[in-house]
Amino acid sequence: MIRFIENIGDYYSQHFFTDDFHKKVFDKAGYITQKKDSDGNKTANHLTEINARISPLREKYFRFKNDLLNIQREKDKVKRTSDFHREVLDALGYINGTPEYSHPVFINETEVIPVRYNYAKGGKPYLFIMEMKAIVHEGDKQPMGIYEQTWDRGEWKEVFPTTWGDIILKPDVIKEALSELFLLPEDERPTYVIMLAGAKIFLIHYEKWKYDSFLLFDLEQLFAEVVINRDYLALFYALLAKTNCLGSTDSLLQ
């Protein structure tokens, strides 16, 4: 069974999220999965190419984790985490010169919700990329999750633009901010949010969030499981990559 993805609150139905889930996703993505021809010769396929693209992320993750455990100041931990998130987004195809945090969501004239990247589809907001502090275990200390964490302007001062001026991060409780975001009018709210949190990545749909339903990816578990099945790297990519999330065909996220 795939363990690096948690199907929280049945984001996918139990009939779809089964042991062959990765095969279903590859089929829906249109990936060529056959790696050898009838004579045993290697053939061009999507999985080998994607696995090679995502594989270097393993070393970057463990370097990030080691750095995080040795950093003392909270604002420095936040900055290092945000830098690692950039490496994740780069591997997933999102880094292409688009300015970061250029379109925060204004609740009113002074209160905003921070959004790292804002992508539209069909002329409407579709996918927001957001981030929070790393969910990484440090000894016996239990890290705060998506329901407990808050954004503190002082801790995020090296990440959020200085051009924001005197705005207030509100709601500053991340759970409440997501709920507020999904209650916006249809032409303002996203359909999906990818929330980066160091070792963890949340994939959230606006209709399912109110039922505490989402996908939770665990990078450290992913890198442990690829020893058994290297194609899990391609599964991670298929579900979160820009080319699939924002393509012209039906989203794999549905």
Protein backbone atom coordinates (compact mmCIF):
# COMPACT_ATOMS: atom_id res chain seq x y z
CA MET A 1 0.00 0.00 0.00
CA ILE A 2 1.18 3.52 -0.77
CA ARG A 3 2.13 5.17 2.52
CA PHE A 4 3.62 8.50 1.46
CA ILE A 5 0.13 9.75 0.55
CA GLU A 6 -2.59 9.95 3.19
CA ASN A 7 -6.10 10.05 1.79
CA ILE A 8 -7.52 12.15 4.62
CA GLY A 9 -11.31 12.12 4.89
CA ASP A 10 -11.60 10.09 1.66
CA TYR A 11 -10.41 12.85 -0.66
CA TYR A 12 -10.43 10.07 -3.23
CA SER A 13 -13.01 7.30 -2.90
CA GLN A 14 -11.79 4.05 -1.40
CA HIS A 15 -12.57 2.38 -4.73
CA PHE A 16 -10.04 4.65 -6.48
CA PHE A 17 -7.39 4.94 -3.76
CA THR A 18 -6.31 1.30 -3.80
CA ASP A 19 -3.02 -0.59 -4.10
CA ASP A 20 -2.91 0.11 -7.84
CA PHE A 21 -3.64 3.83 -7.36
CA HIS A 22 -0.39 4.80 -9.08
CA LYS A 23 -1.34 2.83 -12.19
CA LYS A 24 -4.72 4.58 -12.36
CA VAL A 25 -3.06 7.99 -12.07
CA PHE A 26 -0.48 7.17 -14.76
CA ASP A 27 -3.24 6.00 -17.07
CA LYS A 28 -5.27 9.17 -16.49
CA ALA A 29 -2.16 11.28 -17.08
CA GLY A 30 -1.54 9.52 -20.40
CA TYR A 31 1.93 8.39 -19.35
CA ILE A 32 3.80 5.81 -21.39
CA THR A 33 4.83 3.34 -18.69
CA GLN A 34 6.41 0.48 -20.66
CA LYS A 35 10.17 0.69 -20.09
CA LYS A 36 11.30 -2.16 -22.38
CA ASP A 37 10.17 -3.51 -25.74
CA SER A 38 9.44 -7.14 -26.54
CA ASP A 39 13.16 -7.75 -27.09
CA GLY A 40 14.09 -6.39 -23.67
CA ASN A 41 15.55 -3.14 -24.97
CA LYS A 42 14.94 0.12 -23.13
CA THR A 43 12.29 2.33 -24.69
CA ALA A 44 11.35 5.97 -24.22
CA ASN A 45 8.75 6.40 -21.47
CA HIS A 46 7.48 9.06 -19.10
CA LEU A 47 8.32 7.31 -15.84
CA THR A 48 12.08 7.05 -16.32
CA GLU A 49 12.28 10.71 -17.35
CA ILE A 50 10.14 11.97 -14.45
CA ASN A 51 11.85 9.76 -11.87
CA ALA A 52 15.20 11.24 -12.92
CA ARG A 53 13.76 14.76 -12.55
CA ILE A 54 12.41 14.22 -9.02
CA SER A 55 15.19 12.00 -7.66
CA PRO A 56 17.64 14.88 -6.83
CA LEU A 57 15.00 16.26 -4.46
CA ARG A 58 15.89 13.52 -1.98
CA GLU A 59 19.35 14.93 -1.29
CA LYS A 60 17.97 18.47 -1.13
CA TYR A 61 15.33 17.40 1.38
CA PHE A 62 17.77 15.77 3.80
CA ARG A 63 20.13 18.74 3.50
CA PHE A 64 17.21 21.01 4.35
CA LYS A 65 16.17 18.83 7.30
CA ASN A 66 19.70 18.81 8.69
CA ASP A 67 19.93 22.60 8.35
CA LEU A 68 16.56 23.05 10.03
CA LEU A 69 17.56 21.00 13.05
CA ASN A 70 20.65 23.16 13.52
CA ILE A 71 19.02 26.58 13.10
CA GLN A 72 18.03 28.34 16.32
CA ARG A 73 16.05 31.45 15.36
CA GLU A 74 12.48 30.90 14.21
CA LYS A 75 12.68 33.47 11.40
CA ASP A 76 15.77 31.69 10.05
CA LYS A 77 13.91 28.36 10.11
CA VAL A 78 11.07 29.98 8.17
CA LYS A 79 13.45 31.39 5.55
CA ARG A 80 15.27 28.07 5.12
CA THR A 81 11.95 26.28 4.77
CA SER A 82 10.76 28.75 2.14
CA ASP A 83 14.01 28.27 0.21
CA PHE A 84 13.45 24.50 0.26
CA HIS A 85 9.91 25.01 -0.97
CA ARG A 86 11.38 26.79 -3.98
CA GLU A 87 13.42 23.66 -4.75
CA VAL A 88 10.28 21.52 -4.53
CA LEU A 89 8.35 23.88 -6.79
CA ASP A 90 11.22 23.94 -9.26
CA ALA A 91 11.17 20.13 -9.49
CA LEU A 92 7.42 20.30 -10.09
CA GLY A 93 7.79 22.87 -12.88
CA TYR A 94 6.42 25.99 -11.18
CA ILE A 95 9.54 28.17 -11.18
CA ASN A 96 9.58 30.10 -14.46
CA GLY A 97 10.23 33.71 -13.53
CA THR A 98 6.78 34.39 -12.06
CA PRO A 99 7.18 36.84 -9.13
CA GLU A 100 6.52 35.40 -5.68
CA TYR A 101 3.86 36.89 -3.39
CA SER A 102 2.88 39.44 -6.02
CA HIS A 103 -0.86 38.83 -5.57
CA PRO A 104 -1.82 38.44 -1.90
CA VAL A 105 -5.54 38.00 -1.32
CA PHE A 106 -7.00 41.13 0.25
CA ILE A 107 -9.86 40.49 2.64
CA ASN A 108 -10.18 44.25 3.05
CA GLU A 109 -7.88 47.28 2.65
CA THR A 110 -5.42 46.19 5.35
CA GLU A 111 -5.94 42.45 5.92
CA VAL A 112 -4.44 39.88 3.56
CA ILE A 113 -3.89 36.17 3.13
CA PRO A 114 -0.38 35.42 1.80
CA VAL A 115 -0.28 33.46 -1.48
CA ARG A 116 3.08 32.59 -3.01
CA TYR A 117 1.76 31.87 -6.51
CA ASN A 118 -1.68 32.45 -7.99
CA TYR A 119 -2.63 30.52 -11.15
CA ALA A 120 -5.80 30.94 -13.18
CA LYS A 121 -7.58 28.51 -15.50
CA GLY A 122 -10.45 29.45 -17.78
CA GLY A 123 -10.17 33.07 -16.69
CA LYS A 124 -10.76 32.29 -13.00
CA PRO A 125 -8.47 31.62 -10.03
CA TYR A 126 -7.72 27.91 -10.03
CA LEU A 127 -4.61 26.98 -8.05
CA PHE A 128 -2.95 28.86 -5.21
CA ILE A 129 0.48 27.84 -3.96
CA MET A 130 0.89 28.68 -0.28
CA GLU A 131 3.32 27.81 2.48
CA MET A 132 3.58 27.41 6.22
CA LYS A 133 6.29 26.44 8.69
CA ALA A 134 7.91 23.05 8.23
CA ILE A 135 6.20 20.04 9.73
CA VAL A 136 9.37 18.18 10.66
CA HIS A 137 9.92 16.24 13.87
CA GLU A 138 12.71 17.67 16.02
CA GLY A 139 13.53 15.06 18.65
CA ASP A 140 10.54 14.45 20.94
CA LYS A 141 8.98 17.78 19.99
CA GLN A 142 5.70 17.37 18.11
CA PRO A 143 5.43 19.93 15.27
CA MET A 144 2.27 21.98 14.90
CA GLY A 145 0.13 21.00 11.94
CA ILE A 146 -2.19 22.78 9.56
CA TYR A 147 -4.89 23.20 12.22
CA GLU A 148 -2.61 24.84 14.79
CA GLN A 149 -0.08 26.97 12.91
CA THR A 150 -0.26 30.72 12.42
CA TRP A 151 1.56 33.27 10.27
CA ASP A 152 3.55 35.80 12.28
CA ARG A 153 4.74 38.81 10.28
CA GLY A 154 7.97 39.05 12.27
CA GLU A 155 8.87 35.41 11.67
CA TRP A 156 8.10 35.72 7.95
CA LYS A 157 9.76 39.12 7.40
CA GLU A 158 12.50 37.65 5.18
CA VAL A 159 9.95 35.82 3.01
CA PHE A 160 7.02 38.19 2.54
CA PRO A 161 7.76 41.33 0.45
CA THR A 162 8.59 44.58 2.23
CA THR A 163 6.41 46.32 -0.38
CA TRP A 164 3.36 44.99 1.46
CA GLY A 165 3.80 47.83 3.92
CA ASP A 166 1.63 47.80 7.05
CA ILE A 167 -0.79 45.09 6.05
CA ILE A 168 -2.08 42.64 8.65
CA LEU A 169 -1.97 38.89 8.12
CA LYS A 170 -5.54 38.00 8.97
CA PRO A 171 -6.86 35.48 9.55
CA ASP A 172 -3.39 34.59 10.85
CA VAL A 173 -4.50 31.09 11.88
CA ILE A 174 -3.86 29.06 8.74
CA LYS A 175 -6.93 26.85 9.12
CA GLU A 176 -9.15 29.93 9.40
CA ALA A 177 -7.39 31.63 6.48
CA LEU A 178 -8.09 28.66 4.22
CA SER A 179 -11.73 28.61 5.25
CA GLU A 180 -11.98 32.35 4.57
CA LEU A 181 -10.28 31.89 1.20
CA PHE A 182 -12.71 29.21 0.08
CA LEU A 183 -15.71 31.35 1.06
CA LEU A 184 -14.75 34.10 -1.38
CA PRO A 185 -16.92 34.64 -4.49
CA GLU A 186 -16.31 32.13 -7.29
CA ASP A 187 -14.35 34.63 -9.38
CA GLU A 188 -11.94 35.26 -6.48
CA ARG A 189 -11.42 31.94 -4.72
CA PRO A 190 -9.20 29.08 -5.94
CA THR A 191 -10.44 25.61 -6.69
CA TYR A 192 -7.27 24.08 -5.27
CA VAL A 193 -4.55 25.00 -2.80
CA ILE A 194 -1.16 23.33 -2.56
CA MET A 195 0.15 24.10 0.93
CA LEU A 196 3.87 23.46 1.37
CA ALA A 197 5.08 22.56 4.87
CA GLY A 198 8.63 21.26 4.67
CA ALA A 199 8.38 17.47 4.85
CA LYS A 200 4.64 17.63 4.26
CA ILE A 201 2.56 18.90 1.34
CA PHE A 202 -1.21 19.36 1.50
CA LEU A 203 -3.44 19.22 -1.56
CA ILE A 204 -6.78 20.83 -0.75
CA HIS A 205 -10.00 21.25 -2.76
CA TYR A 206 -12.29 24.11 -1.79
CA GLU A 207 -15.41 21.94 -1.47
CA LYS A 208 -13.69 19.18 0.51
CA TRP A 209 -11.84 21.39 3.02
CA LYS A 210 -14.98 21.97 5.11
CA TYR A 211 -15.17 18.20 5.59
CA ASP A 212 -11.49 18.00 6.69
CA SER A 213 -10.76 16.10 3.49
CA PHE A 214 -7.44 16.50 1.65
CA LEU A 215 -4.37 14.64 0.38
CA LEU A 216 -1.29 14.75 2.59
CA PHE A 217 2.08 13.95 1.01
CA ASP A 218 5.08 12.98 3.18
CA LEU A 219 8.40 13.57 1.41
CA GLU A 220 10.48 11.60 3.89
CA GLN A 221 8.17 8.60 3.54
CA LEU A 222 8.28 8.98 -0.25
CA PHE A 223 12.06 8.76 -0.29
CA ALA A 224 11.89 5.65 1.91
CA GLU A 225 9.32 3.97 -0.34
CA VAL A 226 11.15 4.56 -3.63
CA VAL A 227 13.52 1.80 -2.58
CA ILE A 228 10.54 -0.52 -3.13
CA ASN A 229 8.97 1.28 -6.10
CA ARG A 230 10.92 4.04 -7.82
CA ASP A 231 7.85 4.98 -9.86
CA TYR A 232 6.34 6.59 -6.76
CA LEU A 233 8.48 9.60 -7.70
CA ALA A 234 6.48 9.86 -10.92
CA LEU A 235 3.24 9.48 -8.94
CA PHE A 236 4.24 12.40 -6.71
CA TYR A 237 4.96 14.45 -9.84
CA ALA A 238 1.77 13.42 -11.65
CA LEU A 239 -0.45 14.65 -8.81
CA LEU A 240 1.33 17.94 -8.07
CA ALA A 241 3.22 19.11 -11.17
CA LYS A 242 2.22 22.32 -12.88
CA THR A 243 1.84 20.67 -16.28
CA ASN A 244 -0.81 18.32 -14.91
CA CYS A 245 -2.58 20.64 -12.47
CA LEU A 246 -2.95 23.44 -15.00
CA GLY A 247 -3.17 21.50 -18.26
CA SER A 248 -6.01 21.85 -20.74
CA THR A 249 -7.38 18.38 -19.95
CA ASP A 250 -9.37 17.42 -16.85
CA SER A 251 -7.27 17.76 -13.72
CA LEU A 252 -5.83 14.65 -12.14
CA LEU A 253 -6.75 16.21 -8.81
CA GLN A 254 -10.47 15.59 -9.29
